[in-house]
């Protein structure tokens, strides 16, 4: 399991499996926590197995220490973003 975070869109991606092939996601179920803070999108394969959790509005939902441990996309260094 691994997690990535893209600060440019404030989205975290929690991967239950390391690699999700093209076309592997068959269903996405959105889930909105109370208080209007962000959205979770749960991605499932054709067998109904959870593949990934997308967290939109991650800064308002996930603790900072969790986001600081996430992998950042390669554009992180190019754009000069700082954690």
C-alpha atoms as a PDB file:
ATOM      1  CA  UNK A   1       0.000   0.000   0.000  1.00  0.00           C
ATOM      2  CA  UNK A   2       1.243   3.493  -0.768  1.00  0.00           C
ATOM      3  CA  UNK A   3       0.005   7.061  -0.872  1.00  0.00           C
ATOM      4  CA  UNK A   4       0.741   9.969  -3.175  1.00  0.00           C
ATOM      5  CA  UNK A   5      -0.202  13.620  -2.767  1.00  0.00           C
ATOM      6  CA  UNK A   6      -0.519  16.290  -5.458  1.00  0.00           C
ATOM      7  CA  UNK A   7      -0.533  19.696  -3.747  1.00  0.00           C
ATOM      8  CA  UNK A   8      -1.370  21.505  -6.996  1.00  0.00           C
ATOM      9  CA  UNK A   9      -4.882  20.002  -6.879  1.00  0.00           C
ATOM     10  CA  UNK A  10      -4.963  19.111  -3.139  1.00  0.00           C
ATOM     11  CA  UNK A  11      -5.605  15.443  -3.910  1.00  0.00           C
ATOM     12  CA  UNK A  12      -4.233  12.362  -2.173  1.00  0.00           C
ATOM     13  CA  UNK A  13      -4.325   8.880  -3.667  1.00  0.00           C
ATOM     14  CA  UNK A  14      -4.179   5.860  -1.392  1.00  0.00           C
ATOM     15  CA  UNK A  15      -3.290   2.775  -3.442  1.00  0.00           C
ATOM     16  CA  UNK A  16      -4.343  -0.555  -1.974  1.00  0.00           C
ATOM     17  CA  UNK A  17      -2.286  -2.256  -4.699  1.00  0.00           C
ATOM     18  CA  UNK A  18       0.932  -0.831  -6.140  1.00  0.00           C
ATOM     19  CA  UNK A  19      -0.033  -0.758  -9.807  1.00  0.00           C
ATOM     20  CA  UNK A  20      -3.454  -0.202 -11.331  1.00  0.00           C
ATOM     21  CA  UNK A  21      -3.466  -1.100 -15.013  1.00  0.00           C
ATOM     22  CA  UNK A  22      -5.281   0.876 -17.674  1.00  0.00           C
ATOM     23  CA  UNK A  23      -8.981   0.050 -17.571  1.00  0.00           C
ATOM     24  CA  UNK A  24      -8.752  -1.786 -14.235  1.00  0.00           C
ATOM     25  CA  UNK A  25     -11.138   0.585 -12.452  1.00  0.00           C
ATOM     26  CA  UNK A  26     -14.691  -0.535 -13.245  1.00  0.00           C
ATOM     27  CA  UNK A  27     -16.650   1.478 -10.677  1.00  0.00           C
ATOM     28  CA  UNK A  28     -16.069   4.616  -8.651  1.00  0.00           C
ATOM     29  CA  UNK A  29     -18.218   5.395  -5.622  1.00  0.00           C
ATOM     30  CA  UNK A  30     -18.055   8.943  -4.207  1.00  0.00           C
ATOM     31  CA  UNK A  31     -18.397   9.467  -0.479  1.00  0.00           C
ATOM     32  CA  UNK A  32     -18.765  12.918   1.069  1.00  0.00           C
ATOM     33  CA  UNK A  33     -17.954  13.189   4.768  1.00  0.00           C
ATOM     34  CA  UNK A  34     -20.111  15.452   6.918  1.00  0.00           C
ATOM     35  CA  UNK A  35     -19.273  19.120   7.115  1.00  0.00           C
ATOM     36  CA  UNK A  36     -18.646  19.572   3.397  1.00  0.00           C
ATOM     37  CA  UNK A  37     -14.928  18.854   3.710  1.00  0.00           C
ATOM     38  CA  UNK A  38     -13.718  17.186   0.549  1.00  0.00           C
ATOM     39  CA  UNK A  39     -14.721  13.975  -1.171  1.00  0.00           C
ATOM     40  CA  UNK A  40     -13.520  10.373  -1.106  1.00  0.00           C
ATOM     41  CA  UNK A  41     -13.769   8.430  -4.372  1.00  0.00           C
ATOM     42  CA  UNK A  42     -13.506   4.666  -3.925  1.00  0.00           C
ATOM     43  CA  UNK A  43     -12.266   2.832  -7.036  1.00  0.00           C
ATOM     44  CA  UNK A  44     -13.157  -0.850  -7.488  1.00  0.00           C
ATOM     45  CA  UNK A  45     -12.161  -3.488 -10.054  1.00  0.00           C
ATOM     46  CA  UNK A  46     -14.565  -5.796 -11.916  1.00  0.00           C
ATOM     47  CA  UNK A  47     -14.573  -8.247  -8.976  1.00  0.00           C
ATOM     48  CA  UNK A  48     -15.578  -5.537  -6.520  1.00  0.00           C
ATOM     49  CA  UNK A  49     -12.141  -5.295  -4.901  1.00  0.00           C
ATOM     50  CA  UNK A  50     -11.009  -1.893  -3.664  1.00  0.00           C
ATOM     51  CA  UNK A  51      -8.042  -0.618  -5.676  1.00  0.00           C
ATOM     52  CA  UNK A  52      -7.609   3.007  -4.653  1.00  0.00           C
ATOM     53  CA  UNK A  53      -9.062   5.799  -2.553  1.00  0.00           C
ATOM     54  CA  UNK A  54      -8.893   9.283  -4.040  1.00  0.00           C
ATOM     55  CA  UNK A  55      -9.146  12.064  -1.456  1.00  0.00           C
ATOM     56  CA  UNK A  56     -10.146  15.444  -2.894  1.00  0.00           C
ATOM     57  CA  UNK A  57      -9.656  18.373  -0.538  1.00  0.00           C
ATOM     58  CA  UNK A  58      -7.013  16.294   1.232  1.00  0.00           C
ATOM     59  CA  UNK A  59      -5.657  19.130   3.404  1.00  0.00           C
ATOM     60  CA  UNK A  60      -9.050  19.544   5.078  1.00  0.00           C
ATOM     61  CA  UNK A  61      -9.548  15.804   5.686  1.00  0.00           C
ATOM     62  CA  UNK A  62      -6.163  14.176   6.309  1.00  0.00           C
ATOM     63  CA  UNK A  63      -3.735  15.107   9.098  1.00  0.00           C
ATOM     64  CA  UNK A  64      -0.655  17.059   7.964  1.00  0.00           C
ATOM     65  CA  UNK A  65       1.678  14.324   9.235  1.00  0.00           C
ATOM     66  CA  UNK A  66      -0.020  11.844   6.891  1.00  0.00           C
ATOM     67  CA  UNK A  67       0.337  14.141   3.866  1.00  0.00           C
ATOM     68  CA  UNK A  68       3.981  14.832   4.742  1.00  0.00           C
ATOM     69  CA  UNK A  69       4.736  11.094   4.501  1.00  0.00           C
ATOM     70  CA  UNK A  70       3.103  10.745   1.070  1.00  0.00           C
ATOM     71  CA  UNK A  71       5.031  10.515  -2.195  1.00  0.00           C
ATOM     72  CA  UNK A  72       4.861  13.672  -4.285  1.00  0.00           C
ATOM     73  CA  UNK A  73       4.597  13.644  -8.085  1.00  0.00           C
ATOM     74  CA  UNK A  74       7.762  14.336 -10.068  1.00  0.00           C
ATOM     75  CA  UNK A  75       6.485  17.862 -10.827  1.00  0.00           C
ATOM     76  CA  UNK A  76       7.088  18.664  -7.134  1.00  0.00           C
ATOM     77  CA  UNK A  77      10.784  19.350  -7.735  1.00  0.00           C
ATOM     78  CA  UNK A  78      10.217  21.040 -11.084  1.00  0.00           C
ATOM     79  CA  UNK A  79       7.638  23.493  -9.751  1.00  0.00           C
ATOM     80  CA  UNK A  80       9.653  24.246  -6.640  1.00  0.00           C
ATOM     81  CA  UNK A  81       6.799  23.326  -4.314  1.00  0.00           C
ATOM     82  CA  UNK A  82       7.775  22.897  -0.700  1.00  0.00           C
ATOM     83  CA  UNK A  83       6.184  20.585   1.800  1.00  0.00           C
END
